[in-house]
Amino acid sequence: MTRSAWSVRSTCTTCSGHAWSDPWLPGGPARRLEDVSLPHFRPEYPAGLVARAAKVRLACFDVDGTLTDGRLWFDDAGRESKAFHVLDGQGLVQLRKAGITVAFVTARDSLVAAARARELGAEPHVNVKDKVACVERIRQRLGLEREQVAFMGDDLPDLGVLRIAGLAVAPASVHHWIRDAVHWVTPSRGGEGAVRELCDLVLHAQGRVDALLEAGAR
């Protein structure tokens, strides 16, 4: 069955209007920062998407093109470097605090990706030749069903896992061949906050946003 990528819009509960949340659409509605109070201005997700996110207990992420913008940097000695977004990191930390297992799953043998995963308390799975087998091993070890697994990826090496995940998500920069395999395409591109948008969805679906906002305000 072909999956549909839902759109997400934002609702301000202190006013009557709606605003599409995709920041990449030119000429879209603008709001002054002081008009956007986080406790009252949140994405409005389709019910089916929220229902899937409410079941998630394992969240796995491709690295290149998902947690990063897909570019690879090498110095003169051949050492690799990557740039990760701090918004994504904070979202992953909050998933872990909510009791959700987080894993990085990448085909590249990347010391940088492994180091970032460990820094955030995520499981590092690098040099993975079969992502489906890797995610299935993690799932079975945790005693979970497939519907409790979220996976986020952007290209062909991720397709197999996206097809079996209970919640399949891609960043806005996803390759067009992959779009029909996911339940949701985030407004943001890979490496630019897309992972945070998935984290926010799961936290919203599991009723944890109010507590996080209250804790952050103290």
C-alpha atoms as a PDB file:
ATOM      1  CA  MET A   1       0.000   0.000   0.000  1.00  0.00           C
ATOM      2  CA  THR A   2       1.332   3.412  -0.952  1.00  0.00           C
ATOM      3  CA  ARG A   3       1.971   5.610   2.039  1.00  0.00           C
ATOM      4  CA  SER A   4       0.927   9.234   2.045  1.00  0.00           C
ATOM      5  CA  ALA A   5       3.130  11.988   3.428  1.00  0.00           C
ATOM      6  CA  TRP A   6       0.911  14.083   5.661  1.00  0.00           C
ATOM      7  CA  SER A   7       1.230  17.831   5.860  1.00  0.00           C
ATOM      8  CA  VAL A   8       1.437  19.558   9.205  1.00  0.00           C
ATOM      9  CA  ARG A   9       0.140  22.962  10.074  1.00  0.00           C
ATOM     10  CA  SER A  10       0.460  25.091  13.186  1.00  0.00           C
ATOM     11  CA  THR A  11      -2.357  26.359  15.330  1.00  0.00           C
ATOM     12  CA  CYS A  12      -2.303  29.322  17.663  1.00  0.00           C
ATOM     13  CA  THR A  13      -4.754  28.538  20.462  1.00  0.00           C
ATOM     14  CA  THR A  14      -5.009  32.195  21.426  1.00  0.00           C
ATOM     15  CA  CYS A  15      -6.321  33.258  18.013  1.00  0.00           C
ATOM     16  CA  SER A  16      -8.592  31.880  15.321  1.00  0.00           C
ATOM     17  CA  GLY A  17      -6.100  31.558  12.481  1.00  0.00           C
ATOM     18  CA  HIS A  18      -3.942  28.744  11.167  1.00  0.00           C
ATOM     19  CA  ALA A  19      -0.513  28.991   9.560  1.00  0.00           C
ATOM     20  CA  TRP A  20       1.242  26.344   7.492  1.00  0.00           C
ATOM     21  CA  SER A  21       4.418  25.376   9.295  1.00  0.00           C
ATOM     22  CA  ASP A  22       6.667  24.797   6.262  1.00  0.00           C
ATOM     23  CA  PRO A  23       9.377  27.487   6.491  1.00  0.00           C
ATOM     24  CA  TRP A  24      10.641  26.596   2.998  1.00  0.00           C
ATOM     25  CA  LEU A  25       7.614  27.990   1.195  1.00  0.00           C
ATOM     26  CA  PRO A  26       8.383  31.554   0.005  1.00  0.00           C
ATOM     27  CA  GLY A  27       5.794  34.167   0.782  1.00  0.00           C
ATOM     28  CA  GLY A  28       4.250  32.111   3.572  1.00  0.00           C
ATOM     29  CA  PRO A  29       2.543  33.736   6.548  1.00  0.00           C
ATOM     30  CA  ALA A  30       4.887  35.447   8.972  1.00  0.00           C
ATOM     31  CA  ARG A  31       4.514  36.031  12.695  1.00  0.00           C
ATOM     32  CA  ARG A  32       6.488  38.260  14.997  1.00  0.00           C
ATOM     33  CA  LEU A  33       8.496  36.258  17.514  1.00  0.00           C
ATOM     34  CA  GLU A  34       6.631  37.825  20.418  1.00  0.00           C
ATOM     35  CA  ASP A  35       3.345  36.549  18.938  1.00  0.00           C
ATOM     36  CA  VAL A  36       4.488  32.927  19.068  1.00  0.00           C
ATOM     37  CA  SER A  37       4.267  31.674  22.629  1.00  0.00           C
ATOM     38  CA  LEU A  38       5.362  28.044  22.676  1.00  0.00           C
ATOM     39  CA  PRO A  39       2.724  26.805  25.129  1.00  0.00           C
ATOM     40  CA  HIS A  40       0.023  28.182  22.776  1.00  0.00           C
ATOM     41  CA  PHE A  41       1.534  27.704  19.306  1.00  0.00           C
ATOM     42  CA  ARG A  42       2.123  24.108  18.297  1.00  0.00           C
ATOM     43  CA  PRO A  43       1.955  21.991  15.171  1.00  0.00           C
ATOM     44  CA  GLU A  44      -1.405  20.483  14.359  1.00  0.00           C
ATOM     45  CA  TYR A  45      -0.721  16.888  13.322  1.00  0.00           C
ATOM     46  CA  PRO A  46      -3.144  14.557  11.518  1.00  0.00           C
ATOM     47  CA  ALA A  47      -4.720  12.062  13.919  1.00  0.00           C
ATOM     48  CA  GLY A  48      -3.317   9.040  12.105  1.00  0.00           C
ATOM     49  CA  LEU A  49       0.226  10.359  12.392  1.00  0.00           C
ATOM     50  CA  VAL A  50      -0.175  11.059  16.102  1.00  0.00           C
ATOM     51  CA  ALA A  51      -1.549   7.560  16.674  1.00  0.00           C
ATOM     52  CA  ARG A  52       1.557   6.032  15.109  1.00  0.00           C
ATOM     53  CA  ALA A  53       3.905   8.292  17.079  1.00  0.00           C
ATOM     54  CA  ALA A  54       2.155   7.461  20.352  1.00  0.00           C
ATOM     55  CA  LYS A  55       3.348   3.848  20.071  1.00  0.00           C
ATOM     56  CA  VAL A  56       7.047   4.586  19.487  1.00  0.00           C
ATOM     57  CA  ARG A  57       9.537   3.086  21.945  1.00  0.00           C
ATOM     58  CA  LEU A  58      12.543   2.856  19.599  1.00  0.00           C
ATOM     59  CA  ALA A  59      13.654   5.698  17.314  1.00  0.00           C
ATOM     60  CA  CYS A  60      16.378   4.951  14.764  1.00  0.00           C
ATOM     61  CA  PHE A  61      18.037   7.499  12.512  1.00  0.00           C
ATOM     62  CA  ASP A  62      20.141   7.428   9.382  1.00  0.00           C
ATOM     63  CA  VAL A  63      23.046   9.859   9.725  1.00  0.00           C
ATOM     64  CA  ASP A  64      24.181  11.356   6.397  1.00  0.00           C
ATOM     65  CA  GLY A  65      21.363  13.405   4.892  1.00  0.00           C
ATOM     66  CA  THR A  66      19.165  12.990   7.962  1.00  0.00           C
ATOM     67  CA  LEU A  67      21.144  14.042  11.018  1.00  0.00           C
ATOM     68  CA  THR A  68      23.437  16.007   8.674  1.00  0.00           C
ATOM     69  CA  ASP A  69      22.862  17.906   5.439  1.00  0.00           C
ATOM     70  CA  GLY A  70      24.485  15.065   3.522  1.00  0.00           C
ATOM     71  CA  ARG A  71      27.801  16.730   2.754  1.00  0.00           C
ATOM     72  CA  LEU A  72      31.020  14.953   3.737  1.00  0.00           C
ATOM     73  CA  TRP A  73      34.059  16.959   4.823  1.00  0.00           C
ATOM     74  CA  PHE A  74      37.628  15.604   4.780  1.00  0.00           C
ATOM     75  CA  ASP A  75      40.882  17.270   5.805  1.00  0.00           C
ATOM     76  CA  ASP A  76      44.216  16.776   4.032  1.00  0.00           C
ATOM     77  CA  ALA A  77      44.881  13.653   6.091  1.00  0.00           C
ATOM     78  CA  GLY A  78      41.579  12.102   5.039  1.00  0.00           C
ATOM     79  CA  ARG A  79      39.931  12.634   8.415  1.00  0.00           C
ATOM     80  CA  GLU A  80      36.171  13.046   8.219  1.00  0.00           C
ATOM     81  CA  SER A  81      34.107  15.735   9.908  1.00  0.00           C
ATOM     82  CA  LYS A  82      30.363  16.354  10.048  1.00  0.00           C
ATOM     83  CA  ALA A  83      28.073  19.111  11.276  1.00  0.00           C
ATOM     84  CA  PHE A  84      25.127  18.236  13.516  1.00  0.00           C
ATOM     85  CA  HIS A  85      22.303  20.557  14.536  1.00  0.00           C
ATOM     86  CA  VAL A  86      21.934  21.341  18.242  1.00  0.00           C
ATOM     87  CA  LEU A  87      18.140  21.358  17.930  1.00  0.00           C
ATOM     88  CA  ASP A  88      18.262  17.739  16.795  1.00  0.00           C
ATOM     89  CA  GLY A  89      20.537  16.849  19.693  1.00  0.00           C
ATOM     90  CA  GLN A  90      18.191  18.369  22.254  1.00  0.00           C
ATOM     91  CA  GLY A  91      15.255  16.508  20.758  1.00  0.00           C
ATOM     92  CA  LEU A  92      17.103  13.193  20.951  1.00  0.00           C
ATOM     93  CA  VAL A  93      18.040  13.840  24.580  1.00  0.00           C
ATOM     94  CA  GLN A  94      14.376  14.474  25.397  1.00  0.00           C
ATOM     95  CA  LEU A  95      13.347  11.237  23.666  1.00  0.00           C
ATOM     96  CA  ARG A  96      15.772   9.336  25.857  1.00  0.00           C
ATOM     97  CA  LYS A  97      14.454  11.049  28.983  1.00  0.00           C
ATOM     98  CA  ALA A  98      10.993   9.893  27.911  1.00  0.00           C
ATOM     99  CA  GLY A  99      12.239   6.296  27.986  1.00  0.00           C
ATOM    100  CA  ILE A 100      12.601   5.881  24.237  1.00  0.00           C
ATOM    101  CA  THR A 101      15.679   4.077  22.933  1.00  0.00           C
ATOM    102  CA  VAL A 102      17.551   6.106  20.314  1.00  0.00           C
ATOM    103  CA  ALA A 103      19.935   4.602  17.753  1.00  0.00           C
ATOM    104  CA  PHE A 104      22.062   5.945  14.909  1.00  0.00           C
ATOM    105  CA  VAL A 105      22.195   3.500  11.985  1.00  0.00           C
ATOM    106  CA  THR A 106      24.651   4.384   9.220  1.00  0.00           C
ATOM    107  CA  ALA A 107      26.337   2.477   6.416  1.00  0.00           C
ATOM    108  CA  ARG A 108      29.490   4.557   6.794  1.00  0.00           C
ATOM    109  CA  ASP A 109      32.236   3.486   9.193  1.00  0.00           C
ATOM    110  CA  SER A 110      32.177   6.892  10.826  1.00  0.00           C
ATOM    111  CA  LEU A 111      33.997   7.662  14.068  1.00  0.00           C
ATOM    112  CA  VAL A 112      32.340  11.077  14.056  1.00  0.00           C
ATOM    113  CA  ALA A 113      28.827   9.614  13.931  1.00  0.00           C
ATOM    114  CA  ALA A 114      29.669   7.136  16.691  1.00  0.00           C
ATOM    115  CA  ALA A 115      31.076   9.910  18.876  1.00  0.00           C
ATOM    116  CA  ARG A 116      27.984  12.075  18.404  1.00  0.00           C
ATOM    117  CA  ALA A 117      25.708   9.142  19.227  1.00  0.00           C
ATOM    118  CA  ARG A 118      27.582   8.397  22.441  1.00  0.00           C
ATOM    119  CA  GLU A 119      27.537  12.077  23.406  1.00  0.00           C
ATOM    120  CA  LEU A 120      23.736  12.033  23.217  1.00  0.00           C
ATOM    121  CA  GLY A 121      23.324   8.639  24.869  1.00  0.00           C
ATOM    122  CA  ALA A 122      22.211   7.001  21.618  1.00  0.00           C
ATOM    123  CA  GLU A 123      23.297   3.580  20.400  1.00  0.00           C
ATOM    124  CA  PRO A 124      25.942   3.918  17.649  1.00  0.00           C
ATOM    125  CA  HIS A 125      25.547   1.414  14.817  1.00  0.00           C
ATOM    126  CA  VAL A 126      28.121   2.252  12.139  1.00  0.00           C
ATOM    127  CA  ASN A 127      29.432   0.388   9.093  1.00  0.00           C
ATOM    128  CA  VAL A 128      26.009  -1.266   8.797  1.00  0.00           C
ATOM    129  CA  LYS A 129      25.650  -3.286   5.607  1.00  0.00           C
ATOM    130  CA  ASP A 130      22.018  -4.325   6.196  1.00  0.00           C
ATOM    131  CA  LYS A 131      19.962  -1.668   7.953  1.00  0.00           C
ATOM    132  CA  VAL A 132      16.848  -3.839   8.138  1.00  0.00           C
ATOM    133  CA  ALA A 133      18.738  -6.603   9.941  1.00  0.00           C
ATOM    134  CA  CYS A 134      20.364  -4.073  12.277  1.00  0.00           C
ATOM    135  CA  VAL A 135      17.092  -2.404  13.283  1.00  0.00           C
ATOM    136  CA  GLU A 136      15.381  -5.772  13.641  1.00  0.00           C
ATOM    137  CA  ARG A 137      18.107  -6.958  16.025  1.00  0.00           C
ATOM    138  CA  ILE A 138      17.671  -3.858  18.176  1.00  0.00           C
ATOM    139  CA  ARG A 139      13.889  -4.240  18.141  1.00  0.00           C
ATOM    140  CA  GLN A 140      13.977  -7.904  19.092  1.00  0.00           C
ATOM    141  CA  ARG A 141      16.517  -7.271  21.852  1.00  0.00           C
ATOM    142  CA  LEU A 142      14.133  -4.724  23.365  1.00  0.00           C
ATOM    143  CA  GLY A 143      11.130  -7.012  22.956  1.00  0.00           C
ATOM    144  CA  LEU A 144       9.235  -4.544  20.765  1.00  0.00           C
ATOM    145  CA  GLU A 145       6.829  -4.880  17.854  1.00  0.00           C
ATOM    146  CA  ARG A 146       7.487  -3.200  14.514  1.00  0.00           C
ATOM    147  CA  GLU A 147       4.680  -0.725  15.163  1.00  0.00           C
ATOM    148  CA  GLN A 148       6.738   0.582  18.104  1.00  0.00           C
ATOM    149  CA  VAL A 149       9.686   1.493  15.860  1.00  0.00           C
ATOM    150  CA  ALA A 150      10.243   4.874  14.211  1.00  0.00           C
ATOM    151  CA  PHE A 151      12.846   5.226  11.486  1.00  0.00           C
ATOM    152  CA  MET A 152      14.013   8.355   9.705  1.00  0.00           C
ATOM    153  CA  GLY A 153      16.014   8.233   6.487  1.00  0.00           C
ATOM    154  CA  ASP A 154      16.423  10.005   3.183  1.00  0.00           C
ATOM    155  CA  ASP A 155      17.672   7.691   0.428  1.00  0.00           C
ATOM    156  CA  LEU A 156      17.785   4.187  -1.032  1.00  0.00           C
ATOM    157  CA  PRO A 157      19.833   2.518   1.758  1.00  0.00           C
ATOM    158  CA  ASP A 158      16.994   3.436   4.148  1.00  0.00           C
ATOM    159  CA  LEU A 159      14.127   2.169   2.020  1.00  0.00           C
ATOM    160  CA  GLY A 160      13.926  -1.336   3.475  1.00  0.00           C
ATOM    161  CA  VAL A 161      13.593  -0.099   7.056  1.00  0.00           C
ATOM    162  CA  LEU A 162      11.163   2.659   6.117  1.00  0.00           C
ATOM    163  CA  ARG A 163       8.865   0.044   4.594  1.00  0.00           C
ATOM    164  CA  ILE A 164       8.585  -1.946   7.834  1.00  0.00           C
ATOM    165  CA  ALA A 165       8.717   0.789  10.488  1.00  0.00           C
ATOM    166  CA  GLY A 166       5.566   1.648  12.396  1.00  0.00           C
ATOM    167  CA  LEU A 167       6.421   5.313  11.875  1.00  0.00           C
ATOM    168  CA  ALA A 168       8.458   6.062   8.743  1.00  0.00           C
ATOM    169  CA  VAL A 169       9.690   9.644   8.383  1.00  0.00           C
ATOM    170  CA  ALA A 170      11.944  11.521   5.962  1.00  0.00           C
ATOM    171  CA  PRO A 171      13.389  15.049   5.936  1.00  0.00           C
ATOM    172  CA  ALA A 172      12.252  17.586   3.351  1.00  0.00           C
ATOM    173  CA  SER A 173      15.482  16.915   1.436  1.00  0.00           C
ATOM    174  CA  VAL A 174      14.534  13.248   0.905  1.00  0.00           C
ATOM    175  CA  HIS A 175      15.235  11.801  -2.530  1.00  0.00           C
ATOM    176  CA  HIS A 176      11.999  11.757  -4.531  1.00  0.00           C
ATOM    177  CA  TRP A 177      12.132   7.968  -4.971  1.00  0.00           C
ATOM    178  CA  ILE A 178      11.667   7.539  -1.225  1.00  0.00           C
ATOM    179  CA  ARG A 179       8.714   9.851  -0.577  1.00  0.00           C
ATOM    180  CA  ASP A 180       5.998   7.251  -1.161  1.00  0.00           C
ATOM    181  CA  ALA A 181       7.581   4.925   1.416  1.00  0.00           C
ATOM    182  CA  VAL A 182       7.100   7.263   4.388  1.00  0.00           C
ATOM    183  CA  HIS A 183       4.198   8.375   6.547  1.00  0.00           C
ATOM    184  CA  TRP A 184       5.492  11.918   6.961  1.00  0.00           C
ATOM    185  CA  VAL A 185       7.988  14.292   5.340  1.00  0.00           C
ATOM    186  CA  THR A 186       9.154  16.931   7.825  1.00  0.00           C
ATOM    187  CA  PRO A 187       9.084  20.644   6.945  1.00  0.00           C
ATOM    188  CA  SER A 188      12.848  20.952   7.555  1.00  0.00           C
ATOM    189  CA  ARG A 189      15.725  19.477   5.576  1.00  0.00           C
ATOM    190  CA  GLY A 190      18.257  16.962   6.846  1.00  0.00           C
ATOM    191  CA  GLY A 191      20.785  18.488   9.232  1.00  0.00           C
ATOM    192  CA  GLU A 192      18.612  21.580   9.660  1.00  0.00           C
ATOM    193  CA  GLY A 193      16.201  20.507  12.386  1.00  0.00           C
ATOM    194  CA  ALA A 194      14.291  17.686  10.675  1.00  0.00           C
ATOM    195  CA  VAL A 195      15.201  15.184  13.386  1.00  0.00           C
ATOM    196  CA  ARG A 196      13.927  17.597  16.041  1.00  0.00           C
ATOM    197  CA  GLU A 197      10.587  17.744  14.250  1.00  0.00           C
ATOM    198  CA  LEU A 198      10.238  13.976  14.513  1.00  0.00           C
ATOM    199  CA  CYS A 199      11.249  14.108  18.182  1.00  0.00           C
ATOM    200  CA  ASP A 200       8.670  16.830  18.814  1.00  0.00           C
ATOM    201  CA  LEU A 201       5.976  14.767  17.101  1.00  0.00           C
ATOM    202  CA  VAL A 202       6.674  11.749  19.309  1.00  0.00           C
ATOM    203  CA  LEU A 203       6.834  13.834  22.486  1.00  0.00           C
ATOM    204  CA  HIS A 204       3.563  15.534  21.541  1.00  0.00           C
ATOM    205  CA  ALA A 205       1.862  12.223  20.766  1.00  0.00           C
ATOM    206  CA  GLN A 206       2.942  10.798  24.118  1.00  0.00           C
ATOM    207  CA  GLY A 207       1.737  13.815  26.094  1.00  0.00           C
ATOM    208  CA  ARG A 208       5.099  15.078  27.295  1.00  0.00           C
ATOM    209  CA  VAL A 209       5.272  18.593  25.868  1.00  0.00           C
ATOM    210  CA  ASP A 210       3.590  20.478  28.730  1.00  0.00           C
ATOM    211  CA  ALA A 211       5.933  18.970  31.317  1.00  0.00           C
ATOM    212  CA  LEU A 212       8.976  19.839  29.195  1.00  0.00           C
ATOM    213  CA  LEU A 213       7.833  23.434  28.764  1.00  0.00           C
ATOM    214  CA  GLU A 214       7.153  23.815  32.470  1.00  0.00           C
ATOM    215  CA  ALA A 215      10.552  22.357  33.363  1.00  0.00           C
ATOM    216  CA  GLY A 216      12.308  24.578  30.836  1.00  0.00           C
ATOM    217  CA  ALA A 217      10.601  27.697  32.160  1.00  0.00           C
ATOM    218  CA  ARG A 218      11.924  27.169  35.690  1.00  0.00           C
END
